[in-house]
């Protein structure tokens, strides 16, 4: 997101101003990253409520700890590190509570995936294709749920957010090589879980 040099220069000035207590500068930082933070949390947690909690907690932590930011990594990496750590905490708690992805119960007591209830508003969408897309999505979601929280985190950051493995390693406080090995394990598990699909 913060790829162009002009924005990075402005971003440094914004961060410094926010560190000095400028609320407007902090607000601009939040607006610059709010959508990508929410998207990352939603992709990792698959729960709108949990993603919203992480979003709020992430920016609260940024606000509290902004003075400790020393520009030794990009602000983007630092922020993603906060978000992924919060998501890992949520996933661990969820595993302890044995809660799964966003499911609800219908009137007959049957469970359904809330993500499947989002309509496909694209022009020309047909019910058969929509059903196949949702079934594939459910299979992939189910396969992702079988990964460890760290494997899922690496896979999502690499493939859904397009981050380099070196950056993923920085975010997760590990080496690029460890991130690469984790991604390999995650990919092997997903291949195994989806091997019957042709």
C-alpha atoms as a PDB file:
ATOM      1  CA  UNK A   1       0.000   0.000   0.000  1.00  0.00           C
ATOM      2  CA  UNK A   2       2.668   2.549   1.038  1.00  0.00           C
ATOM      3  CA  UNK A   3       4.861   1.808  -1.969  1.00  0.00           C
ATOM      4  CA  UNK A   4       5.457   5.186  -3.576  1.00  0.00           C
ATOM      5  CA  UNK A   5       8.300   7.286  -2.246  1.00  0.00           C
ATOM      6  CA  UNK A   6       6.188  10.439  -1.904  1.00  0.00           C
ATOM      7  CA  UNK A   7       3.778   8.699   0.443  1.00  0.00           C
ATOM      8  CA  UNK A   8       6.649   7.187   2.452  1.00  0.00           C
ATOM      9  CA  UNK A   9       8.150  10.655   2.971  1.00  0.00           C
ATOM     10  CA  UNK A  10       4.743  12.064   3.940  1.00  0.00           C
ATOM     11  CA  UNK A  11       4.151   9.007   6.108  1.00  0.00           C
ATOM     12  CA  UNK A  12       7.362   9.613   8.062  1.00  0.00           C
ATOM     13  CA  UNK A  13       6.301  13.202   8.649  1.00  0.00           C
ATOM     14  CA  UNK A  14       2.830  12.008   9.727  1.00  0.00           C
ATOM     15  CA  UNK A  15       4.322   9.454  12.121  1.00  0.00           C
ATOM     16  CA  UNK A  16       6.651  12.045  13.652  1.00  0.00           C
ATOM     17  CA  UNK A  17       3.766  14.500  14.041  1.00  0.00           C
ATOM     18  CA  UNK A  18       1.573  11.788  15.592  1.00  0.00           C
ATOM     19  CA  UNK A  19       4.418  10.865  17.961  1.00  0.00           C
ATOM     20  CA  UNK A  20       4.411  14.498  19.081  1.00  0.00           C
ATOM     21  CA  UNK A  21       0.682  14.301  19.876  1.00  0.00           C
ATOM     22  CA  UNK A  22      -0.878  15.572  16.629  1.00  0.00           C
ATOM     23  CA  UNK A  23      -4.303  13.863  16.606  1.00  0.00           C
ATOM     24  CA  UNK A  24      -5.009  14.840  12.993  1.00  0.00           C
ATOM     25  CA  UNK A  25      -1.765  13.193  11.850  1.00  0.00           C
ATOM     26  CA  UNK A  26      -2.708  10.018  13.729  1.00  0.00           C
ATOM     27  CA  UNK A  27      -6.164  10.116  12.107  1.00  0.00           C
ATOM     28  CA  UNK A  28      -4.535  10.329   8.666  1.00  0.00           C
ATOM     29  CA  UNK A  29      -2.391   7.279   9.449  1.00  0.00           C
ATOM     30  CA  UNK A  30      -5.474   5.341  10.522  1.00  0.00           C
ATOM     31  CA  UNK A  31      -7.336   6.338   7.338  1.00  0.00           C
ATOM     32  CA  UNK A  32      -4.351   5.315   5.197  1.00  0.00           C
ATOM     33  CA  UNK A  33      -4.317   1.790   6.628  1.00  0.00           C
ATOM     34  CA  UNK A  34      -7.781   1.107   8.014  1.00  0.00           C
ATOM     35  CA  UNK A  35      -9.076  -0.893   5.026  1.00  0.00           C
ATOM     36  CA  UNK A  36      -5.968  -3.061   4.696  1.00  0.00           C
ATOM     37  CA  UNK A  37      -5.965  -3.776   8.462  1.00  0.00           C
ATOM     38  CA  UNK A  38      -9.633  -4.764   8.418  1.00  0.00           C
ATOM     39  CA  UNK A  39      -9.142  -6.893   5.272  1.00  0.00           C
ATOM     40  CA  UNK A  40      -6.126  -8.666   6.812  1.00  0.00           C
ATOM     41  CA  UNK A  41      -7.997  -9.370  10.065  1.00  0.00           C
ATOM     42  CA  UNK A  42     -11.064 -10.614   8.158  1.00  0.00           C
ATOM     43  CA  UNK A  43      -8.962 -12.879   5.921  1.00  0.00           C
ATOM     44  CA  UNK A  44      -7.121 -14.363   8.884  1.00  0.00           C
ATOM     45  CA  UNK A  45     -10.039 -14.718  11.312  1.00  0.00           C
ATOM     46  CA  UNK A  46     -13.006 -15.258   8.960  1.00  0.00           C
ATOM     47  CA  UNK A  47     -15.246 -13.561  11.526  1.00  0.00           C
ATOM     48  CA  UNK A  48     -16.558 -10.005  11.111  1.00  0.00           C
ATOM     49  CA  UNK A  49     -16.901  -9.550  14.882  1.00  0.00           C
ATOM     50  CA  UNK A  50     -13.392 -10.810  15.653  1.00  0.00           C
ATOM     51  CA  UNK A  51     -11.941  -8.796  12.754  1.00  0.00           C
ATOM     52  CA  UNK A  52     -13.602  -5.627  14.075  1.00  0.00           C
ATOM     53  CA  UNK A  53     -12.223  -6.344  17.579  1.00  0.00           C
ATOM     54  CA  UNK A  54      -8.703  -6.833  16.188  1.00  0.00           C
ATOM     55  CA  UNK A  55      -9.037  -3.687  14.050  1.00  0.00           C
ATOM     56  CA  UNK A  56      -9.930  -1.581  17.093  1.00  0.00           C
ATOM     57  CA  UNK A  57      -7.329  -3.192  19.336  1.00  0.00           C
ATOM     58  CA  UNK A  58      -4.623  -2.829  16.668  1.00  0.00           C
ATOM     59  CA  UNK A  59      -5.114   0.917  16.315  1.00  0.00           C
ATOM     60  CA  UNK A  60      -5.383   1.298  20.080  1.00  0.00           C
ATOM     61  CA  UNK A  61      -2.007  -0.439  20.408  1.00  0.00           C
ATOM     62  CA  UNK A  62      -0.546   1.720  17.652  1.00  0.00           C
ATOM     63  CA  UNK A  63      -1.790   4.822  19.485  1.00  0.00           C
ATOM     64  CA  UNK A  64      -0.333   3.640  22.813  1.00  0.00           C
ATOM     65  CA  UNK A  65       2.991   2.483  21.357  1.00  0.00           C
ATOM     66  CA  UNK A  66       3.626   4.924  18.523  1.00  0.00           C
ATOM     67  CA  UNK A  67       6.399   6.625  20.520  1.00  0.00           C
ATOM     68  CA  UNK A  68       8.288   3.309  20.561  1.00  0.00           C
ATOM     69  CA  UNK A  69       8.248   3.120  16.723  1.00  0.00           C
ATOM     70  CA  UNK A  70      11.858   3.804  15.661  1.00  0.00           C
ATOM     71  CA  UNK A  71      11.654   3.521  11.832  1.00  0.00           C
ATOM     72  CA  UNK A  72      13.888   0.395  11.852  1.00  0.00           C
ATOM     73  CA  UNK A  73      11.217  -1.287   9.702  1.00  0.00           C
ATOM     74  CA  UNK A  74       8.411   0.188   7.636  1.00  0.00           C
ATOM     75  CA  UNK A  75       5.304   1.408   9.449  1.00  0.00           C
ATOM     76  CA  UNK A  76       3.331  -1.063   7.299  1.00  0.00           C
ATOM     77  CA  UNK A  77       5.432  -3.995   8.612  1.00  0.00           C
ATOM     78  CA  UNK A  78       5.145  -2.771  12.204  1.00  0.00           C
ATOM     79  CA  UNK A  79       1.351  -2.385  11.912  1.00  0.00           C
ATOM     80  CA  UNK A  80       0.926  -5.794  10.225  1.00  0.00           C
ATOM     81  CA  UNK A  81       3.023  -7.339  13.013  1.00  0.00           C
ATOM     82  CA  UNK A  82       0.585  -5.927  15.594  1.00  0.00           C
ATOM     83  CA  UNK A  83      -2.438  -7.142  13.605  1.00  0.00           C
ATOM     84  CA  UNK A  84      -1.049 -10.646  13.006  1.00  0.00           C
ATOM     85  CA  UNK A  85      -0.088 -11.046  16.677  1.00  0.00           C
ATOM     86  CA  UNK A  86      -3.618 -10.050  17.719  1.00  0.00           C
ATOM     87  CA  UNK A  87      -5.049 -12.482  15.134  1.00  0.00           C
ATOM     88  CA  UNK A  88      -2.787 -15.278  16.419  1.00  0.00           C
ATOM     89  CA  UNK A  89      -4.074 -14.601  19.943  1.00  0.00           C
ATOM     90  CA  UNK A  90      -7.681 -14.764  18.697  1.00  0.00           C
ATOM     91  CA  UNK A  91      -7.035 -17.998  16.780  1.00  0.00           C
ATOM     92  CA  UNK A  92      -5.394 -19.610  19.810  1.00  0.00           C
ATOM     93  CA  UNK A  93      -8.318 -18.617  22.037  1.00  0.00           C
ATOM     94  CA  UNK A  94     -10.745 -19.887  19.419  1.00  0.00           C
ATOM     95  CA  UNK A  95      -8.939 -23.247  19.309  1.00  0.00           C
ATOM     96  CA  UNK A  96      -9.155 -23.460  23.090  1.00  0.00           C
ATOM     97  CA  UNK A  97     -12.891 -22.694  22.970  1.00  0.00           C
ATOM     98  CA  UNK A  98     -13.328 -24.989  19.923  1.00  0.00           C
ATOM     99  CA  UNK A  99     -15.202 -22.305  18.024  1.00  0.00           C
ATOM    100  CA  UNK A 100     -15.056 -22.404  14.282  1.00  0.00           C
ATOM    101  CA  UNK A 101     -15.429 -19.856  11.515  1.00  0.00           C
ATOM    102  CA  UNK A 102     -18.466 -17.582  11.313  1.00  0.00           C
ATOM    103  CA  UNK A 103     -21.352 -20.018  11.670  1.00  0.00           C
ATOM    104  CA  UNK A 104     -24.882 -19.341  12.800  1.00  0.00           C
ATOM    105  CA  UNK A 105     -27.874 -21.542  13.478  1.00  0.00           C
ATOM    106  CA  UNK A 106     -31.023 -21.425  11.396  1.00  0.00           C
ATOM    107  CA  UNK A 107     -34.553 -21.838  12.775  1.00  0.00           C
ATOM    108  CA  UNK A 108     -34.290 -25.636  12.630  1.00  0.00           C
ATOM    109  CA  UNK A 109     -31.013 -25.642  14.584  1.00  0.00           C
ATOM    110  CA  UNK A 110     -28.826 -26.433  11.550  1.00  0.00           C
ATOM    111  CA  UNK A 111     -25.558 -24.553  11.197  1.00  0.00           C
ATOM    112  CA  UNK A 112     -24.583 -22.477   8.172  1.00  0.00           C
ATOM    113  CA  UNK A 113     -21.570 -20.381   7.211  1.00  0.00           C
ATOM    114  CA  UNK A 114     -22.327 -16.651   7.406  1.00  0.00           C
ATOM    115  CA  UNK A 115     -19.916 -15.931   4.541  1.00  0.00           C
ATOM    116  CA  UNK A 116     -22.104 -18.062   2.279  1.00  0.00           C
ATOM    117  CA  UNK A 117     -25.004 -15.669   2.895  1.00  0.00           C
ATOM    118  CA  UNK A 118     -23.273 -12.758   1.167  1.00  0.00           C
ATOM    119  CA  UNK A 119     -25.010 -12.403  -2.200  1.00  0.00           C
ATOM    120  CA  UNK A 120     -23.068 -12.316  -5.455  1.00  0.00           C
ATOM    121  CA  UNK A 121     -24.161  -9.020  -7.009  1.00  0.00           C
ATOM    122  CA  UNK A 122     -21.967  -9.261 -10.107  1.00  0.00           C
ATOM    123  CA  UNK A 123     -23.672  -8.795 -13.426  1.00  0.00           C
ATOM    124  CA  UNK A 124     -24.408 -12.138 -15.035  1.00  0.00           C
ATOM    125  CA  UNK A 125     -23.911 -14.138 -11.854  1.00  0.00           C
ATOM    126  CA  UNK A 126     -25.772 -17.382 -12.144  1.00  0.00           C
ATOM    127  CA  UNK A 127     -26.983 -19.569  -9.283  1.00  0.00           C
ATOM    128  CA  UNK A 128     -25.077 -22.671 -10.432  1.00  0.00           C
ATOM    129  CA  UNK A 129     -21.747 -20.838 -10.681  1.00  0.00           C
ATOM    130  CA  UNK A 130     -22.471 -19.090  -7.384  1.00  0.00           C
ATOM    131  CA  UNK A 131     -23.120 -22.457  -5.714  1.00  0.00           C
ATOM    132  CA  UNK A 132     -19.887 -23.924  -7.115  1.00  0.00           C
ATOM    133  CA  UNK A 133     -17.944 -20.825  -5.986  1.00  0.00           C
ATOM    134  CA  UNK A 134     -19.397 -21.081  -2.480  1.00  0.00           C
ATOM    135  CA  UNK A 135     -18.676 -24.815  -2.294  1.00  0.00           C
ATOM    136  CA  UNK A 136     -15.090 -24.233  -3.397  1.00  0.00           C
ATOM    137  CA  UNK A 137     -14.801 -21.361  -0.911  1.00  0.00           C
ATOM    138  CA  UNK A 138     -16.128 -23.589   1.860  1.00  0.00           C
ATOM    139  CA  UNK A 139     -13.629 -26.343   0.939  1.00  0.00           C
ATOM    140  CA  UNK A 140     -10.734 -23.872   0.948  1.00  0.00           C
ATOM    141  CA  UNK A 141     -11.911 -22.337   4.235  1.00  0.00           C
ATOM    142  CA  UNK A 142     -12.162 -25.815   5.745  1.00  0.00           C
ATOM    143  CA  UNK A 143      -8.667 -26.665   4.517  1.00  0.00           C
ATOM    144  CA  UNK A 144      -7.277 -23.390   5.920  1.00  0.00           C
ATOM    145  CA  UNK A 145      -8.871 -24.201   9.291  1.00  0.00           C
ATOM    146  CA  UNK A 146      -6.731 -27.367   9.453  1.00  0.00           C
ATOM    147  CA  UNK A 147      -3.516 -25.335   9.331  1.00  0.00           C
ATOM    148  CA  UNK A 148      -1.852 -24.193  12.531  1.00  0.00           C
ATOM    149  CA  UNK A 149      -2.424 -20.476  13.245  1.00  0.00           C
ATOM    150  CA  UNK A 150       1.159 -19.672  12.202  1.00  0.00           C
ATOM    151  CA  UNK A 151       0.931 -21.703   8.951  1.00  0.00           C
ATOM    152  CA  UNK A 152      -2.320 -19.983   8.073  1.00  0.00           C
ATOM    153  CA  UNK A 153      -0.853 -16.580   8.888  1.00  0.00           C
ATOM    154  CA  UNK A 154       2.157 -17.132   6.584  1.00  0.00           C
ATOM    155  CA  UNK A 155      -0.031 -18.524   3.776  1.00  0.00           C
ATOM    156  CA  UNK A 156      -2.520 -15.636   3.955  1.00  0.00           C
ATOM    157  CA  UNK A 157       0.132 -12.909   4.205  1.00  0.00           C
ATOM    158  CA  UNK A 158       2.013 -14.354   1.219  1.00  0.00           C
ATOM    159  CA  UNK A 159      -0.871 -15.272  -1.085  1.00  0.00           C
ATOM    160  CA  UNK A 160      -3.750 -12.963  -0.116  1.00  0.00           C
ATOM    161  CA  UNK A 161      -1.724  -9.881   0.765  1.00  0.00           C
ATOM    162  CA  UNK A 162       1.154 -10.401  -1.666  1.00  0.00           C
ATOM    163  CA  UNK A 163       3.895  -9.835   0.879  1.00  0.00           C
ATOM    164  CA  UNK A 164       7.448 -11.070   0.324  1.00  0.00           C
ATOM    165  CA  UNK A 165       8.570 -13.912   2.602  1.00  0.00           C
ATOM    166  CA  UNK A 166      11.242 -11.640   4.074  1.00  0.00           C
ATOM    167  CA  UNK A 167       8.492  -9.203   5.132  1.00  0.00           C
ATOM    168  CA  UNK A 168       6.343 -12.061   6.433  1.00  0.00           C
ATOM    169  CA  UNK A 169       9.325 -13.209   8.509  1.00  0.00           C
ATOM    170  CA  UNK A 170       9.766  -9.679   9.898  1.00  0.00           C
ATOM    171  CA  UNK A 171       6.079  -9.439  10.778  1.00  0.00           C
ATOM    172  CA  UNK A 172       6.176 -12.786  12.612  1.00  0.00           C
ATOM    173  CA  UNK A 173       9.572 -12.114  14.264  1.00  0.00           C
ATOM    174  CA  UNK A 174      11.264 -14.970  12.451  1.00  0.00           C
ATOM    175  CA  UNK A 175      13.627 -15.495   9.529  1.00  0.00           C
ATOM    176  CA  UNK A 176      12.759 -15.563   5.851  1.00  0.00           C
ATOM    177  CA  UNK A 177      13.886 -19.212   5.778  1.00  0.00           C
ATOM    178  CA  UNK A 178      11.521 -20.169   8.617  1.00  0.00           C
ATOM    179  CA  UNK A 179       8.657 -18.353   6.867  1.00  0.00           C
ATOM    180  CA  UNK A 180       9.525 -20.227   3.654  1.00  0.00           C
ATOM    181  CA  UNK A 181       9.492 -23.600   5.462  1.00  0.00           C
ATOM    182  CA  UNK A 182       6.192 -22.732   7.165  1.00  0.00           C
ATOM    183  CA  UNK A 183       4.689 -21.760   3.800  1.00  0.00           C
ATOM    184  CA  UNK A 184       5.894 -25.063   2.293  1.00  0.00           C
ATOM    185  CA  UNK A 185       4.230 -27.059   5.127  1.00  0.00           C
ATOM    186  CA  UNK A 186       1.017 -25.059   4.769  1.00  0.00           C
ATOM    187  CA  UNK A 187       0.948 -25.577   0.994  1.00  0.00           C
ATOM    188  CA  UNK A 188       1.535 -29.336   1.380  1.00  0.00           C
ATOM    189  CA  UNK A 189      -1.310 -29.596   3.906  1.00  0.00           C
ATOM    190  CA  UNK A 190      -3.659 -27.622   1.654  1.00  0.00           C
ATOM    191  CA  UNK A 191      -2.745 -29.767  -1.349  1.00  0.00           C
ATOM    192  CA  UNK A 192      -3.488 -32.875   0.701  1.00  0.00           C
ATOM    193  CA  UNK A 193      -6.816 -31.479   1.942  1.00  0.00           C
ATOM    194  CA  UNK A 194      -7.909 -30.444  -1.554  1.00  0.00           C
ATOM    195  CA  UNK A 195      -6.359 -33.353  -3.515  1.00  0.00           C
ATOM    196  CA  UNK A 196      -9.693 -34.913  -4.468  1.00  0.00           C
ATOM    197  CA  UNK A 197     -10.772 -31.723  -6.295  1.00  0.00           C
ATOM    198  CA  UNK A 198     -10.083 -31.785 -10.015  1.00  0.00           C
END
